[in-house]
Structure formats: structure tokens, C-alpha cells
Amino acid sequence: PTLTLADRVDSNKQSITLSQWLTAFSIYHYIYAQRHLARSPQLIAYAHLIRSLADRGAQWNKYDTHFRQLRHTSPSMQWDVPHMQLYVDALNSTAGDNRAPKPSLSTKNPAPRNNQNIPRGYCFRYHSPTGHCFSSKCPFKHACPHCSGPHKAFNCPKKEHAVVANPRQR
């Protein structure tokens, strides 16, 4: 019996979910660890990196695909050392960006403490003090909910209505 692997580009190929990826990667990890037991912790760290990219709404599948392509040409690359350019690209990618923007007051992901005053209909990512919304088709408002100005709510010049970026700072 012979096993042949072929690189084919299939235009009908559908993206896999994170859950499907984690299942497949667990199987790969099991097989890989049979020969490279010392590298098993690296694979666990890599799976954690992919999961954290997915949790941040980044294009984790893009990172994984490109990382594995690089690793194929350079097998000495360590699994547990993130490739910074790929990481940044996955976080900031807008080409074919199919990530749904995170609205405020989401029932799945409640707003963090410093954005609890962002009303429904305004972009949660845009109003995050450290975040940005990279979606060109974002259905949520990118304006101050207090004065309709072109700035984030926590930067509102009308201080009495502004959302405090860090309520612990005085």
C-alpha cells in the first residue's frame, strides 16, 4: 500500500471550524509525539496560540496555513515560537476579512468593564481603548455615542459624559 499526498487547490474547499481544527491537530499531535516526544509541549503551546488568535477574532486559519508552509521549508522552526509577521498579519488582515465585528452588549461575549457604557448599535471593537475595527463593512457605528464626534467614547471632550478608559486611574 502507498499513501500519496498531493497539493491541490480546490475552489470549492470550505474553511474548517476551530473545533474541527483542534480535533485534527490533536490527532496530528498524537502521531507527531510518537517520534518527537520532547516537542510535545511545543505543539500544546502552538494549539494555545491558535485558540487565542481565534478568541481575539483574528484570522487564526491564515496564521496556521502560512506557519505550516514556512515550517515545511524550514523544519527547524519551533512550534512554540510565534512568527511575528504572520501573527500581526492574522490580527490585522482585512483582505477577505470575514470576521464579524463584535457589537456592544453581546450576550456571548459581555463587554469588558471599561466599555460597559457603549450603547447598542455602536462598534465594540472601535470603542475599545486598545482595539481597532478593521472590518470595511462594519454594521456598527464608529462615532462617539455621547456627542457623535469622530472619536472613541473614552476620548470624548465632554468629560462629564465620557466613558472612563481606566476607572482605577485618578
C-alpha atoms as a PDB file:
ATOM      1  CA  PRO A   1       0.000   0.000   0.000  1.00  0.00           C
ATOM      2  CA  THR A   2       1.135   3.505  -0.846  1.00  0.00           C
ATOM      3  CA  LEU A   3      -0.037   6.806   0.586  1.00  0.00           C
ATOM      4  CA  THR A   4       0.273   9.789  -1.727  1.00  0.00           C
ATOM      5  CA  LEU A   5      -0.230  13.362  -0.581  1.00  0.00           C
ATOM      6  CA  ALA A   6      -0.970  15.932  -3.242  1.00  0.00           C
ATOM      7  CA  ASP A   7      -1.219  19.691  -3.054  1.00  0.00           C
ATOM      8  CA  ARG A   8      -4.414  20.606  -4.864  1.00  0.00           C
ATOM      9  CA  VAL A   9      -6.180  23.894  -4.956  1.00  0.00           C
ATOM     10  CA  ASP A  10      -9.886  23.247  -4.608  1.00  0.00           C
ATOM     11  CA  SER A  11     -12.036  26.302  -5.264  1.00  0.00           C
ATOM     12  CA  ASN A  12     -14.971  24.603  -3.507  1.00  0.00           C
ATOM     13  CA  LYS A  13     -12.931  23.980  -0.368  1.00  0.00           C
ATOM     14  CA  GLN A  14     -14.706  25.179   2.751  1.00  0.00           C
ATOM     15  CA  SER A  15     -12.947  26.578   5.785  1.00  0.00           C
ATOM     16  CA  ILE A  16     -12.905  24.375   8.830  1.00  0.00           C
ATOM     17  CA  THR A  17     -14.093  25.500  12.223  1.00  0.00           C
ATOM     18  CA  LEU A  18     -11.777  25.946  15.171  1.00  0.00           C
ATOM     19  CA  SER A  19     -13.291  22.866  16.776  1.00  0.00           C
ATOM     20  CA  GLN A  20     -12.570  20.792  13.668  1.00  0.00           C
ATOM     21  CA  TRP A  21      -9.036  22.180  13.525  1.00  0.00           C
ATOM     22  CA  LEU A  22      -8.412  21.346  17.191  1.00  0.00           C
ATOM     23  CA  THR A  23      -9.631  17.780  16.661  1.00  0.00           C
ATOM     24  CA  ALA A  24      -7.392  17.312  13.614  1.00  0.00           C
ATOM     25  CA  PHE A  25      -4.429  18.952  15.362  1.00  0.00           C
ATOM     26  CA  SER A  26      -4.882  16.682  18.393  1.00  0.00           C
ATOM     27  CA  ILE A  27      -4.593  13.661  16.098  1.00  0.00           C
ATOM     28  CA  TYR A  28      -1.521  15.179  14.432  1.00  0.00           C
ATOM     29  CA  HIS A  29      -0.044  15.910  17.867  1.00  0.00           C
ATOM     30  CA  TYR A  30      -0.539  12.309  18.954  1.00  0.00           C
ATOM     31  CA  ILE A  31       1.186  10.953  15.851  1.00  0.00           C
ATOM     32  CA  TYR A  32       3.981  13.560  15.887  1.00  0.00           C
ATOM     33  CA  ALA A  33       4.706  12.940  19.577  1.00  0.00           C
ATOM     34  CA  GLN A  34       5.366   9.239  18.834  1.00  0.00           C
ATOM     35  CA  ARG A  35       8.610  10.292  17.128  1.00  0.00           C
ATOM     36  CA  HIS A  36       9.315  13.651  18.773  1.00  0.00           C
ATOM     37  CA  LEU A  37       8.174  13.324  22.374  1.00  0.00           C
ATOM     38  CA  ALA A  38      10.352  16.215  23.564  1.00  0.00           C
ATOM     39  CA  ARG A  39       8.495  18.583  21.206  1.00  0.00           C
ATOM     40  CA  SER A  40       5.054  17.717  22.560  1.00  0.00           C
ATOM     41  CA  PRO A  41       4.929  20.836  24.812  1.00  0.00           C
ATOM     42  CA  GLN A  42       5.683  22.966  21.740  1.00  0.00           C
ATOM     43  CA  LEU A  43       2.612  21.589  19.976  1.00  0.00           C
ATOM     44  CA  ILE A  44       0.464  22.278  23.019  1.00  0.00           C
ATOM     45  CA  ALA A  45       1.734  25.878  23.032  1.00  0.00           C
ATOM     46  CA  TYR A  46       1.007  26.167  19.298  1.00  0.00           C
ATOM     47  CA  ALA A  47      -2.572  24.944  19.759  1.00  0.00           C
ATOM     48  CA  HIS A  48      -2.971  27.517  22.545  1.00  0.00           C
ATOM     49  CA  LEU A  49      -1.681  30.261  20.225  1.00  0.00           C
ATOM     50  CA  ILE A  50      -4.201  29.301  17.539  1.00  0.00           C
ATOM     51  CA  ARG A  51      -7.024  29.222  20.082  1.00  0.00           C
ATOM     52  CA  SER A  52      -6.017  32.650  21.445  1.00  0.00           C
ATOM     53  CA  LEU A  53      -5.953  34.108  17.912  1.00  0.00           C
ATOM     54  CA  ALA A  54      -9.458  32.727  17.368  1.00  0.00           C
ATOM     55  CA  ASP A  55     -10.612  34.197  20.692  1.00  0.00           C
ATOM     56  CA  ARG A  56      -9.357  37.619  19.564  1.00  0.00           C
ATOM     57  CA  GLY A  57     -11.285  37.385  16.305  1.00  0.00           C
ATOM     58  CA  ALA A  58      -8.086  37.126  14.272  1.00  0.00           C
ATOM     59  CA  GLN A  59      -7.664  35.010  11.177  1.00  0.00           C
ATOM     60  CA  TRP A  60      -6.218  32.015  13.006  1.00  0.00           C
ATOM     61  CA  ASN A  61      -6.605  29.767   9.958  1.00  0.00           C
ATOM     62  CA  LYS A  62      -4.493  32.146   7.873  1.00  0.00           C
ATOM     63  CA  TYR A  63      -1.757  32.118  10.530  1.00  0.00           C
ATOM     64  CA  ASP A  64      -1.847  28.312  10.742  1.00  0.00           C
ATOM     65  CA  THR A  65      -1.712  27.787   6.985  1.00  0.00           C
ATOM     66  CA  HIS A  66       1.208  30.166   6.472  1.00  0.00           C
ATOM     67  CA  PHE A  67       3.094  28.961   9.540  1.00  0.00           C
ATOM     68  CA  ARG A  68       2.880  25.344   8.433  1.00  0.00           C
ATOM     69  CA  GLN A  69       4.021  26.327   4.921  1.00  0.00           C
ATOM     70  CA  LEU A  70       7.058  28.074   6.413  1.00  0.00           C
ATOM     71  CA  ARG A  71       7.723  25.152   8.730  1.00  0.00           C
ATOM     72  CA  HIS A  72       7.615  22.779   5.750  1.00  0.00           C
ATOM     73  CA  THR A  73      10.504  24.686   4.142  1.00  0.00           C
ATOM     74  CA  SER A  74      12.316  25.146   7.461  1.00  0.00           C
ATOM     75  CA  PRO A  75      11.653  22.128   9.727  1.00  0.00           C
ATOM     76  CA  SER A  76      13.889  23.548  12.476  1.00  0.00           C
ATOM     77  CA  MET A  77      11.289  26.261  13.213  1.00  0.00           C
ATOM     78  CA  GLN A  78       9.942  25.776  16.702  1.00  0.00           C
ATOM     79  CA  TRP A  79       6.209  25.313  17.158  1.00  0.00           C
ATOM     80  CA  ASP A  80       6.087  27.344  20.356  1.00  0.00           C
ATOM     81  CA  VAL A  81       7.743  30.489  18.977  1.00  0.00           C
ATOM     82  CA  PRO A  82       5.167  32.693  17.240  1.00  0.00           C
ATOM     83  CA  HIS A  83       6.161  34.081  13.856  1.00  0.00           C
ATOM     84  CA  MET A  84       5.646  37.792  14.490  1.00  0.00           C
ATOM     85  CA  GLN A  85       4.898  38.871  10.915  1.00  0.00           C
ATOM     86  CA  LEU A  86       2.305  36.143  10.467  1.00  0.00           C
ATOM     87  CA  TYR A  87       0.856  36.935  13.892  1.00  0.00           C
ATOM     88  CA  VAL A  88       0.455  40.637  13.087  1.00  0.00           C
ATOM     89  CA  ASP A  89      -0.977  39.819   9.656  1.00  0.00           C
ATOM     90  CA  ALA A  90      -3.535  37.468  11.220  1.00  0.00           C
ATOM     91  CA  LEU A  91      -4.605  40.166  13.680  1.00  0.00           C
ATOM     92  CA  ASN A  92      -4.744  42.972  11.123  1.00  0.00           C
ATOM     93  CA  SER A  93      -5.784  41.194   7.950  1.00  0.00           C
ATOM     94  CA  THR A  94      -8.549  42.912   6.008  1.00  0.00           C
ATOM     95  CA  ALA A  95      -8.306  41.099   2.670  1.00  0.00           C
ATOM     96  CA  GLY A  96     -11.244  38.741   2.540  1.00  0.00           C
ATOM     97  CA  ASP A  97     -11.954  39.651   6.130  1.00  0.00           C
ATOM     98  CA  ASN A  98     -14.969  37.610   7.105  1.00  0.00           C
ATOM     99  CA  ARG A  99     -14.776  38.264  10.836  1.00  0.00           C
ATOM    100  CA  ALA A 100     -17.965  39.601  12.296  1.00  0.00           C
ATOM    101  CA  PRO A 101     -17.412  42.787  14.269  1.00  0.00           C
ATOM    102  CA  LYS A 102     -18.149  42.441  17.937  1.00  0.00           C
ATOM    103  CA  PRO A 103     -21.144  44.562  18.899  1.00  0.00           C
ATOM    104  CA  SER A 104     -21.519  46.024  22.355  1.00  0.00           C
ATOM    105  CA  LEU A 105     -23.814  44.267  24.803  1.00  0.00           C
ATOM    106  CA  SER A 106     -23.247  40.913  23.163  1.00  0.00           C
ATOM    107  CA  THR A 107     -24.768  38.048  25.089  1.00  0.00           C
ATOM    108  CA  LYS A 108     -21.958  35.691  24.058  1.00  0.00           C
ATOM    109  CA  ASN A 109     -19.058  37.993  24.996  1.00  0.00           C
ATOM    110  CA  PRO A 110     -20.086  40.581  27.569  1.00  0.00           C
ATOM    111  CA  ALA A 111     -18.402  43.958  27.307  1.00  0.00           C
ATOM    112  CA  PRO A 112     -15.320  44.492  29.443  1.00  0.00           C
ATOM    113  CA  ARG A 113     -15.650  46.773  32.426  1.00  0.00           C
ATOM    114  CA  ASN A 114     -14.170  49.825  30.698  1.00  0.00           C
ATOM    115  CA  ASN A 115     -16.665  49.656  27.803  1.00  0.00           C
ATOM    116  CA  GLN A 116     -19.830  48.924  29.723  1.00  0.00           C
ATOM    117  CA  ASN A 117     -21.382  52.285  28.763  1.00  0.00           C
ATOM    118  CA  ILE A 118     -21.153  51.753  24.996  1.00  0.00           C
ATOM    119  CA  PRO A 119     -24.772  51.608  23.787  1.00  0.00           C
ATOM    120  CA  ARG A 120     -26.198  49.010  21.449  1.00  0.00           C
ATOM    121  CA  GLY A 121     -25.518  49.759  17.784  1.00  0.00           C
ATOM    122  CA  TYR A 122     -22.008  51.115  18.365  1.00  0.00           C
ATOM    123  CA  CYS A 123     -18.924  49.063  17.423  1.00  0.00           C
ATOM    124  CA  PHE A 124     -17.402  47.435  20.473  1.00  0.00           C
ATOM    125  CA  ARG A 125     -14.026  46.909  18.753  1.00  0.00           C
ATOM    126  CA  TYR A 126     -13.810  50.545  17.695  1.00  0.00           C
ATOM    127  CA  HIS A 127     -14.581  51.821  21.201  1.00  0.00           C
ATOM    128  CA  SER A 128     -12.115  49.519  22.966  1.00  0.00           C
ATOM    129  CA  PRO A 129      -9.244  51.672  24.338  1.00  0.00           C
ATOM    130  CA  THR A 130      -6.630  49.327  22.866  1.00  0.00           C
ATOM    131  CA  GLY A 131      -8.613  47.864  19.977  1.00  0.00           C
ATOM    132  CA  HIS A 132      -9.427  48.715  16.397  1.00  0.00           C
ATOM    133  CA  CYS A 133     -12.116  47.612  13.976  1.00  0.00           C
ATOM    134  CA  PHE A 134     -10.594  46.522  10.699  1.00  0.00           C
ATOM    135  CA  SER A 135     -13.824  45.491   9.011  1.00  0.00           C
ATOM    136  CA  SER A 136     -14.543  47.615   5.941  1.00  0.00           C
ATOM    137  CA  LYS A 137     -18.215  46.572   6.127  1.00  0.00           C
ATOM    138  CA  CYS A 138     -18.791  47.031   9.850  1.00  0.00           C
ATOM    139  CA  PRO A 139     -22.520  47.476  10.503  1.00  0.00           C
ATOM    140  CA  PHE A 140     -21.918  49.286  13.799  1.00  0.00           C
ATOM    141  CA  LYS A 141     -21.315  52.998  14.387  1.00  0.00           C
ATOM    142  CA  HIS A 142     -17.761  54.322  14.572  1.00  0.00           C
ATOM    143  CA  ALA A 143     -18.602  57.581  16.295  1.00  0.00           C
ATOM    144  CA  CYS A 144     -18.827  58.822  19.860  1.00  0.00           C
ATOM    145  CA  PRO A 145     -22.185  57.794  21.351  1.00  0.00           C
ATOM    146  CA  HIS A 146     -22.188  60.916  23.558  1.00  0.00           C
ATOM    147  CA  CYS A 147     -21.536  63.729  21.091  1.00  0.00           C
ATOM    148  CA  SER A 148     -21.477  61.949  17.683  1.00  0.00           C
ATOM    149  CA  GLY A 149     -17.893  63.133  17.195  1.00  0.00           C
ATOM    150  CA  PRO A 150     -15.295  61.203  15.159  1.00  0.00           C
ATOM    151  CA  HIS A 151     -13.514  59.739  18.201  1.00  0.00           C
ATOM    152  CA  LYS A 152     -13.802  56.864  20.636  1.00  0.00           C
ATOM    153  CA  ALA A 153     -16.176  57.288  23.572  1.00  0.00           C
ATOM    154  CA  PHE A 154     -13.394  57.321  26.159  1.00  0.00           C
ATOM    155  CA  ASN A 155     -11.750  60.231  24.281  1.00  0.00           C
ATOM    156  CA  CYS A 156     -14.883  62.368  24.336  1.00  0.00           C
ATOM    157  CA  PRO A 157     -14.046  66.002  25.131  1.00  0.00           C
ATOM    158  CA  LYS A 158     -17.329  66.307  27.016  1.00  0.00           C
ATOM    159  CA  LYS A 159     -15.789  64.804  30.128  1.00  0.00           C
ATOM    160  CA  GLU A 160     -18.987  64.617  32.160  1.00  0.00           C
ATOM    161  CA  HIS A 161     -20.433  62.166  29.617  1.00  0.00           C
ATOM    162  CA  ALA A 162     -17.247  60.367  28.612  1.00  0.00           C
ATOM    163  CA  VAL A 163     -16.594  56.741  29.375  1.00  0.00           C
ATOM    164  CA  VAL A 164     -13.538  56.496  31.617  1.00  0.00           C
ATOM    165  CA  ALA A 165     -10.804  54.440  29.952  1.00  0.00           C
ATOM    166  CA  ASN A 166      -9.499  53.092  33.253  1.00  0.00           C
ATOM    167  CA  PRO A 167     -11.765  53.706  36.236  1.00  0.00           C
ATOM    168  CA  ARG A 168      -8.946  52.904  38.677  1.00  0.00           C
ATOM    169  CA  GLN A 169      -6.755  55.766  37.479  1.00  0.00           C
ATOM    170  CA  ARG A 170      -7.307  59.103  39.163  1.00  0.00           C
END
